[in-house]
Structures are given as C-alpha cells and as structure tokens.
Amino acid sequence: MVMLWILNSISKDLVGSFFYATTAREHWLELGERYGESNRSMIYQIKRRIASILQENLSVMTYYNKFVISYRK
C-alpha cells in the first residue's frame, strides 16, 4: 500500500525510473537521494534564481509567469 502511495505521488514522467525498486523503503531512499537536502548545489541554484527575479514595472501576471518559468529551468 505504501509503495503505491509513493508511486502515485510521483510525477507521471518520473514513475518509470522507480520501477526497479521492490519495496517502499527502496523507493523512499531513492527519492531522498535524488531530491533530498543532500543536493545542496541544486537548492542553492534555485534560491539564487528566485532571489534574482525582480518585479520592476511588470504586471503581477507577467511577474508570476517569469517566476514560474525561472523555477522550471
């Protein structure tokens, strides 16, 4: 049941890369390794990108879209 919950919580684009794991614990450890705090360089880069975005004279909608696009890079 836990394994299904984990797989259903993952983006459909990523589920295929988790099928090799046979237990919920293996899934959980893999998620932690990929997306946990151990990836500090990626966290730093995302925070830097977010901090560099300025609204200036943009409308709220344009600013929001700029923010979302920057987050996805």
PDB file of N, CA and C in Angstrom:
ATOM      1  N   MET A   1       0.827  -1.187   0.000  1.00  0.00           N
ATOM      2  CA  MET A   1       0.000   0.000   0.000  1.00  0.00           C
ATOM      3  C   MET A   1       0.878   1.260   0.000  1.00  0.00           C
ATOM      4  N   VAL A   2       1.922   1.268   0.820  1.00  0.00           N
ATOM      5  CA  VAL A   2       2.807   2.427   0.890  1.00  0.00           C
ATOM      6  C   VAL A   2       3.525   2.631  -0.441  1.00  0.00           C
ATOM      7  N   MET A   3       3.948   1.544  -1.076  1.00  0.00           N
ATOM      8  CA  MET A   3       4.639   1.645  -2.356  1.00  0.00           C
ATOM      9  C   MET A   3       3.725   2.285  -3.408  1.00  0.00           C
ATOM     10  N   LEU A   4       2.474   1.911  -3.429  1.00  0.00           N
ATOM     11  CA  LEU A   4       1.523   2.512  -4.374  1.00  0.00           C
ATOM     12  C   LEU A   4       1.299   3.986  -4.075  1.00  0.00           C
ATOM     13  N   TRP A   5       1.245   4.340  -2.815  1.00  0.00           N
ATOM     14  CA  TRP A   5       1.081   5.742  -2.440  1.00  0.00           C
ATOM     15  C   TRP A   5       2.272   6.557  -2.938  1.00  0.00           C
ATOM     16  N   ILE A   6       3.478   6.030  -2.746  1.00  0.00           N
ATOM     17  CA  ILE A   6       4.683   6.727  -3.215  1.00  0.00           C
ATOM     18  C   ILE A   6       4.649   6.879  -4.735  1.00  0.00           C
ATOM     19  N   LEU A   7       4.370   5.799  -5.453  1.00  0.00           N
ATOM     20  CA  LEU A   7       4.333   5.857  -6.923  1.00  0.00           C
ATOM     21  C   LEU A   7       3.249   6.795  -7.428  1.00  0.00           C
ATOM     22  N   ASN A   8       2.110   6.835  -6.758  1.00  0.00           N
ATOM     23  CA  ASN A   8       1.036   7.741  -7.171  1.00  0.00           C
ATOM     24  C   ASN A   8       1.345   9.198  -6.841  1.00  0.00           C
ATOM     25  N   SER A   9       2.295   9.429  -5.935  1.00  0.00           N
ATOM     26  CA  SER A   9       2.676  10.785  -5.555  1.00  0.00           C
ATOM     27  C   SER A   9       3.744  11.379  -6.468  1.00  0.00           C
ATOM     28  N   ILE A  10       4.383  10.538  -7.245  1.00  0.00           N
ATOM     29  CA  ILE A  10       5.461  10.972  -8.130  1.00  0.00           C
ATOM     30  C   ILE A  10       4.872  11.426  -9.465  1.00  0.00           C
ATOM     31  N   SER A  11       5.497  12.416 -10.057  1.00  0.00           N
ATOM     32  CA  SER A  11       5.098  12.874 -11.386  1.00  0.00           C
ATOM     33  C   SER A  11       5.083  11.684 -12.345  1.00  0.00           C
ATOM     34  N   LYS A  12       4.102  11.633 -13.203  1.00  0.00           N
ATOM     35  CA  LYS A  12       3.960  10.505 -14.135  1.00  0.00           C
ATOM     36  C   LYS A  12       5.181  10.371 -15.038  1.00  0.00           C
ATOM     37  N   ASP A  13       5.878  11.472 -15.312  1.00  0.00           N
ATOM     38  CA  ASP A  13       7.079  11.433 -16.144  1.00  0.00           C
ATOM     39  C   ASP A  13       8.221  10.685 -15.459  1.00  0.00           C
ATOM     40  N   LEU A  14       8.214  10.623 -14.130  1.00  0.00           N
ATOM     41  CA  LEU A  14       9.312  10.029 -13.387  1.00  0.00           C
ATOM     42  C   LEU A  14       9.048   8.615 -12.899  1.00  0.00           C
ATOM     43  N   VAL A  15       7.815   8.186 -12.920  1.00  0.00           N
ATOM     44  CA  VAL A  15       7.445   6.887 -12.340  1.00  0.00           C
ATOM     45  C   VAL A  15       8.257   5.745 -12.945  1.00  0.00           C
ATOM     46  N   GLY A  16       8.507   5.784 -14.238  1.00  0.00           N
ATOM     47  CA  GLY A  16       9.224   4.703 -14.902  1.00  0.00           C
ATOM     48  C   GLY A  16      10.605   4.445 -14.328  1.00  0.00           C
ATOM     49  N   SER A  17      11.241   5.490 -13.834  1.00  0.00           N
ATOM     50  CA  SER A  17      12.588   5.313 -13.298  1.00  0.00           C
ATOM     51  C   SER A  17      12.589   4.737 -11.889  1.00  0.00           C
ATOM     52  N   PHE A  18      11.422   4.481 -11.324  1.00  0.00           N
ATOM     53  CA  PHE A  18      11.333   3.928  -9.974  1.00  0.00           C
ATOM     54  C   PHE A  18      10.828   2.486  -9.950  1.00  0.00           C
ATOM     55  N   PHE A  19      10.576   1.894 -11.099  1.00  0.00           N
ATOM     56  CA  PHE A  19      10.019   0.546 -11.120  1.00  0.00           C
ATOM     57  C   PHE A  19      11.004  -0.539 -10.713  1.00  0.00           C
ATOM     58  N   TYR A  20      12.292  -0.242 -10.725  1.00  0.00           N
ATOM     59  CA  TYR A  20      13.275  -1.254 -10.342  1.00  0.00           C
ATOM     60  C   TYR A  20      13.227  -1.566  -8.850  1.00  0.00           C
ATOM     61  N   ALA A  21      12.766  -0.608  -8.035  1.00  0.00           N
ATOM     62  CA  ALA A  21      12.707  -0.807  -6.585  1.00  0.00           C
ATOM     63  C   ALA A  21      11.585  -1.795  -6.259  1.00  0.00           C
ATOM     64  N   THR A  22      11.847  -2.654  -5.308  1.00  0.00           N
ATOM     65  CA  THR A  22      10.863  -3.693  -4.987  1.00  0.00           C
ATOM     66  C   THR A  22      10.144  -3.467  -3.666  1.00  0.00           C
ATOM     67  N   THR A  23      10.634  -2.518  -2.854  1.00  0.00           N
ATOM     68  CA  THR A  23       9.982  -2.247  -1.572  1.00  0.00           C
ATOM     69  C   THR A  23       9.734  -0.749  -1.424  1.00  0.00           C
ATOM     70  N   ALA A  24       8.833  -0.405  -0.528  1.00  0.00           N
ATOM     71  CA  ALA A  24       8.547   1.004  -0.248  1.00  0.00           C
ATOM     72  C   ALA A  24       9.795   1.694   0.295  1.00  0.00           C
ATOM     73  N   ARG A  25      10.568   0.974   1.099  1.00  0.00           N
ATOM     74  CA  ARG A  25      11.796   1.556   1.658  1.00  0.00           C
ATOM     75  C   ARG A  25      12.778   1.922   0.557  1.00  0.00           C
ATOM     76  N   GLU A  26      12.943   1.065  -0.454  1.00  0.00           N
ATOM     77  CA  GLU A  26      13.841   1.360  -1.573  1.00  0.00           C
ATOM     78  C   GLU A  26      13.375   2.601  -2.324  1.00  0.00           C
ATOM     79  N   HIS A  27      12.064   2.708  -2.529  1.00  0.00           N
ATOM     80  CA  HIS A  27      11.509   3.900  -3.190  1.00  0.00           C
ATOM     81  C   HIS A  27      11.818   5.151  -2.371  1.00  0.00           C
ATOM     82  N   TRP A  28      11.564   5.067  -1.079  1.00  0.00           N
ATOM     83  CA  TRP A  28      11.758   6.216  -0.190  1.00  0.00           C
ATOM     84  C   TRP A  28      13.223   6.662  -0.167  1.00  0.00           C
ATOM     85  N   LEU A  29      14.132   5.703  -0.073  1.00  0.00           N
ATOM     86  CA  LEU A  29      15.558   6.031  -0.059  1.00  0.00           C
ATOM     87  C   LEU A  29      16.000   6.660  -1.382  1.00  0.00           C
ATOM     88  N   GLU A  30      15.496   6.146  -2.484  1.00  0.00           N
ATOM     89  CA  GLU A  30      15.831   6.699  -3.797  1.00  0.00           C
ATOM     90  C   GLU A  30      15.321   8.132  -3.933  1.00  0.00           C
ATOM     91  N   LEU A  31      14.105   8.379  -3.481  1.00  0.00           N
ATOM     92  CA  LEU A  31      13.567   9.747  -3.516  1.00  0.00           C
ATOM     93  C   LEU A  31      14.413  10.690  -2.668  1.00  0.00           C
ATOM     94  N   GLY A  32      14.802  10.223  -1.490  1.00  0.00           N
ATOM     95  CA  GLY A  32      15.635  11.043  -0.619  1.00  0.00           C
ATOM     96  C   GLY A  32      16.981  11.341  -1.242  1.00  0.00           C
ATOM     97  N   GLU A  33      17.538  10.355  -1.908  1.00  0.00           N
ATOM     98  CA  GLU A  33      18.843  10.540  -2.547  1.00  0.00           C
ATOM     99  C   GLU A  33      18.746  11.528  -3.709  1.00  0.00           C
ATOM    100  N   ARG A  34      17.679  11.417  -4.493  1.00  0.00           N
ATOM    101  CA  ARG A  34      17.521  12.289  -5.664  1.00  0.00           C
ATOM    102  C   ARG A  34      17.102  13.709  -5.301  1.00  0.00           C
ATOM    103  N   TYR A  35      16.144  13.819  -4.388  1.00  0.00           N
ATOM    104  CA  TYR A  35      15.520  15.119  -4.158  1.00  0.00           C
ATOM    105  C   TYR A  35      15.642  15.634  -2.729  1.00  0.00           C
ATOM    106  N   GLY A  36      16.375  14.938  -1.897  1.00  0.00           N
ATOM    107  CA  GLY A  36      16.526  15.346  -0.507  1.00  0.00           C
ATOM    108  C   GLY A  36      17.492  16.510  -0.359  1.00  0.00           C
ATOM    109  N   GLU A  37      17.735  16.881   0.858  1.00  0.00           N
ATOM    110  CA  GLU A  37      18.607  18.005   1.160  1.00  0.00           C
ATOM    111  C   GLU A  37      20.049  17.770   0.754  1.00  0.00           C
ATOM    112  N   SER A  38      20.399  16.552   0.429  1.00  0.00           N
ATOM    113  CA  SER A  38      21.776  16.270   0.071  1.00  0.00           C
ATOM    114  C   SER A  38      22.189  16.954  -1.229  1.00  0.00           C
ATOM    115  N   ASN A  39      21.227  17.403  -2.008  1.00  0.00           N
ATOM    116  CA  ASN A  39      21.536  18.073  -3.258  1.00  0.00           C
ATOM    117  C   ASN A  39      21.593  19.580  -3.024  1.00  0.00           C
ATOM    118  N   ARG A  40      22.502  20.003  -2.191  1.00  0.00           N
ATOM    119  CA  ARG A  40      22.606  21.405  -1.785  1.00  0.00           C
ATOM    120  C   ARG A  40      22.954  22.340  -2.941  1.00  0.00           C
ATOM    121  N   SER A  41      23.722  21.865  -3.913  1.00  0.00           N
ATOM    122  CA  SER A  41      24.083  22.747  -5.023  1.00  0.00           C
ATOM    123  C   SER A  41      22.855  23.125  -5.842  1.00  0.00           C
ATOM    124  N   MET A  42      21.938  22.168  -6.047  1.00  0.00           N
ATOM    125  CA  MET A  42      20.723  22.475  -6.791  1.00  0.00           C
ATOM    126  C   MET A  42      19.842  23.430  -5.986  1.00  0.00           C
ATOM    127  N   ILE A  43      19.731  23.209  -4.688  1.00  0.00           N
ATOM    128  CA  ILE A  43      18.944  24.089  -3.826  1.00  0.00           C
ATOM    129  C   ILE A  43      19.506  25.503  -3.879  1.00  0.00           C
ATOM    130  N   TYR A  44      20.821  25.624  -3.818  1.00  0.00           N
ATOM    131  CA  TYR A  44      21.473  26.937  -3.886  1.00  0.00           C
ATOM    132  C   TYR A  44      21.167  27.627  -5.213  1.00  0.00           C
ATOM    133  N   GLN A  45      21.259  26.887  -6.325  1.00  0.00           N
ATOM    134  CA  GLN A  45      20.988  27.475  -7.640  1.00  0.00           C
ATOM    135  C   GLN A  45      19.548  27.951  -7.751  1.00  0.00           C
ATOM    136  N   ILE A  46      18.605  27.175  -7.255  1.00  0.00           N
ATOM    137  CA  ILE A  46      17.194  27.564  -7.301  1.00  0.00           C
ATOM    138  C   ILE A  46      16.956  28.808  -6.459  1.00  0.00           C
ATOM    139  N   LYS A  47      17.522  28.844  -5.256  1.00  0.00           N
ATOM    140  CA  LYS A  47      17.360  30.020  -4.394  1.00  0.00           C
ATOM    141  C   LYS A  47      17.958  31.258  -5.038  1.00  0.00           C
ATOM    142  N   ARG A  48      19.127  31.103  -5.689  1.00  0.00           N
ATOM    143  CA  ARG A  48      19.755  32.239  -6.367  1.00  0.00           C
ATOM    144  C   ARG A  48      18.879  32.755  -7.502  1.00  0.00           C
ATOM    145  N   ARG A  49      18.311  31.836  -8.300  1.00  0.00           N
ATOM    146  CA  ARG A  49      17.432  32.245  -9.405  1.00  0.00           C
ATOM    147  C   ARG A  49      16.199  32.979  -8.888  1.00  0.00           C
ATOM    148  N   ILE A  50      15.596  32.456  -7.813  1.00  0.00           N
ATOM    149  CA  ILE A  50      14.409  33.079  -7.240  1.00  0.00           C
ATOM    150  C   ILE A  50      14.739  34.472  -6.714  1.00  0.00           C
ATOM    151  N   ALA A  51      15.874  34.600  -6.037  1.00  0.00           N
ATOM    152  CA  ALA A  51      16.270  35.887  -5.464  1.00  0.00           C
ATOM    153  C   ALA A  51      16.588  36.915  -6.537  1.00  0.00           C
ATOM    154  N   SER A  52      16.971  36.474  -7.725  1.00  0.00           N
ATOM    155  CA  SER A  52      17.359  37.412  -8.773  1.00  0.00           C
ATOM    156  C   SER A  52      16.171  37.966  -9.560  1.00  0.00           C
ATOM    157  N   ILE A  53      14.999  37.407  -9.369  1.00  0.00           N
ATOM    158  CA  ILE A  53      13.826  37.857 -10.116  1.00  0.00           C
ATOM    159  C   ILE A  53      13.248  39.114  -9.462  1.00  0.00           C
ATOM    160  N   LEU A  54      13.098  40.138 -10.268  1.00  0.00           N
ATOM    161  CA  LEU A  54      12.538  41.402  -9.777  1.00  0.00           C
ATOM    162  C   LEU A  54      11.254  41.725 -10.532  1.00  0.00           C
ATOM    163  N   GLN A  55      10.273  42.279  -9.833  1.00  0.00           N
ATOM    164  CA  GLN A  55       9.020  42.622 -10.482  1.00  0.00           C
ATOM    165  C   GLN A  55       9.173  43.874 -11.336  1.00  0.00           C
ATOM    166  N   GLU A  56       9.955  44.829 -10.864  1.00  0.00           N
ATOM    167  CA  GLU A  56      10.160  46.096 -11.548  1.00  0.00           C
ATOM    168  C   GLU A  56       8.812  46.670 -11.964  1.00  0.00           C
ATOM    169  N   ASN A  57       8.618  46.954 -13.243  1.00  0.00           N
ATOM    170  CA  ASN A  57       7.346  47.544 -13.670  1.00  0.00           C
ATOM    171  C   ASN A  57       6.438  46.526 -14.365  1.00  0.00           C
ATOM    172  N   LEU A  58       6.676  45.241 -14.125  1.00  0.00           N
ATOM    173  CA  LEU A  58       5.852  44.200 -14.731  1.00  0.00           C
ATOM    174  C   LEU A  58       4.517  44.079 -14.004  1.00  0.00           C
ATOM    175  N   SER A  59       3.501  43.659 -14.746  1.00  0.00           N
ATOM    176  CA  SER A  59       2.219  43.370 -14.100  1.00  0.00           C
ATOM    177  C   SER A  59       2.400  42.141 -13.221  1.00  0.00           C
ATOM    178  N   VAL A  60       1.488  41.930 -12.304  1.00  0.00           N
ATOM    179  CA  VAL A  60       1.576  40.775 -11.406  1.00  0.00           C
ATOM    180  C   VAL A  60       1.551  39.482 -12.210  1.00  0.00           C
ATOM    181  N   MET A  61       0.721  39.414 -13.235  1.00  0.00           N
ATOM    182  CA  MET A  61       0.610  38.204 -14.061  1.00  0.00           C
ATOM    183  C   MET A  61       1.921  37.930 -14.799  1.00  0.00           C
ATOM    184  N   THR A  62       2.514  38.941 -15.396  1.00  0.00           N
ATOM    185  CA  THR A  62       3.775  38.774 -16.108  1.00  0.00           C
ATOM    186  C   THR A  62       4.889  38.381 -15.149  1.00  0.00           C
ATOM    187  N   TYR A  63       4.913  39.031 -13.986  1.00  0.00           N
ATOM    188  CA  TYR A  63       5.913  38.714 -12.967  1.00  0.00           C
ATOM    189  C   TYR A  63       5.763  37.265 -12.502  1.00  0.00           C
ATOM    190  N   TYR A  64       4.555  36.843 -12.271  1.00  0.00           N
ATOM    191  CA  TYR A  64       4.300  35.470 -11.839  1.00  0.00           C
ATOM    192  C   TYR A  64       4.784  34.478 -12.895  1.00  0.00           C
ATOM    193  N   ASN A  65       4.451  34.740 -14.164  1.00  0.00           N
ATOM    194  CA  ASN A  65       4.876  33.850 -15.247  1.00  0.00           C
ATOM    195  C   ASN A  65       6.396  33.798 -15.354  1.00  0.00           C
ATOM    196  N   LYS A  66       7.053  34.927 -15.176  1.00  0.00           N
ATOM    197  CA  LYS A  66       8.517  34.989 -15.192  1.00  0.00           C
ATOM    198  C   LYS A  66       9.071  34.123 -14.062  1.00  0.00           C
ATOM    199  N   PHE A  67       8.441  34.195 -12.907  1.00  0.00           N
ATOM    200  CA  PHE A  67       8.852  33.423 -11.746  1.00  0.00           C
ATOM    201  C   PHE A  67       8.697  31.930 -12.005  1.00  0.00           C
ATOM    202  N   VAL A  68       7.566  31.530 -12.534  1.00  0.00           N
ATOM    203  CA  VAL A  68       7.277  30.105 -12.805  1.00  0.00           C
ATOM    204  C   VAL A  68       8.247  29.569 -13.852  1.00  0.00           C
ATOM    205  N   ILE A  69       8.487  30.315 -14.903  1.00  0.00           N
ATOM    206  CA  ILE A  69       9.397  29.869 -15.955  1.00  0.00           C
ATOM    207  C   ILE A  69      10.801  29.702 -15.383  1.00  0.00           C
ATOM    208  N   SER A  70      11.220  30.623 -14.544  1.00  0.00           N
ATOM    209  CA  SER A  70      12.548  30.538 -13.939  1.00  0.00           C
ATOM    210  C   SER A  70      12.668  29.311 -13.043  1.00  0.00           C
ATOM    211  N   TYR A  71      11.603  28.990 -12.332  1.00  0.00           N
ATOM    212  CA  TYR A  71      11.609  27.836 -11.425  1.00  0.00           C
ATOM    213  C   TYR A  71      11.770  26.532 -12.199  1.00  0.00           C
ATOM    214  N   ARG A  72      11.163  26.439 -13.384  1.00  0.00           N
ATOM    215  CA  ARG A  72      11.184  25.209 -14.161  1.00  0.00           C
ATOM    216  C   ARG A  72      12.503  24.961 -14.874  1.00  0.00           C
ATOM    217  N   LYS A  73      13.356  25.938 -14.981  1.00  0.00           N
ATOM    218  CA  LYS A  73      14.632  25.765 -15.718  1.00  0.00           C
ATOM    219  C   LYS A  73      15.557  24.854 -14.999  1.00  0.00           C
TER     220      LYS A  73
END
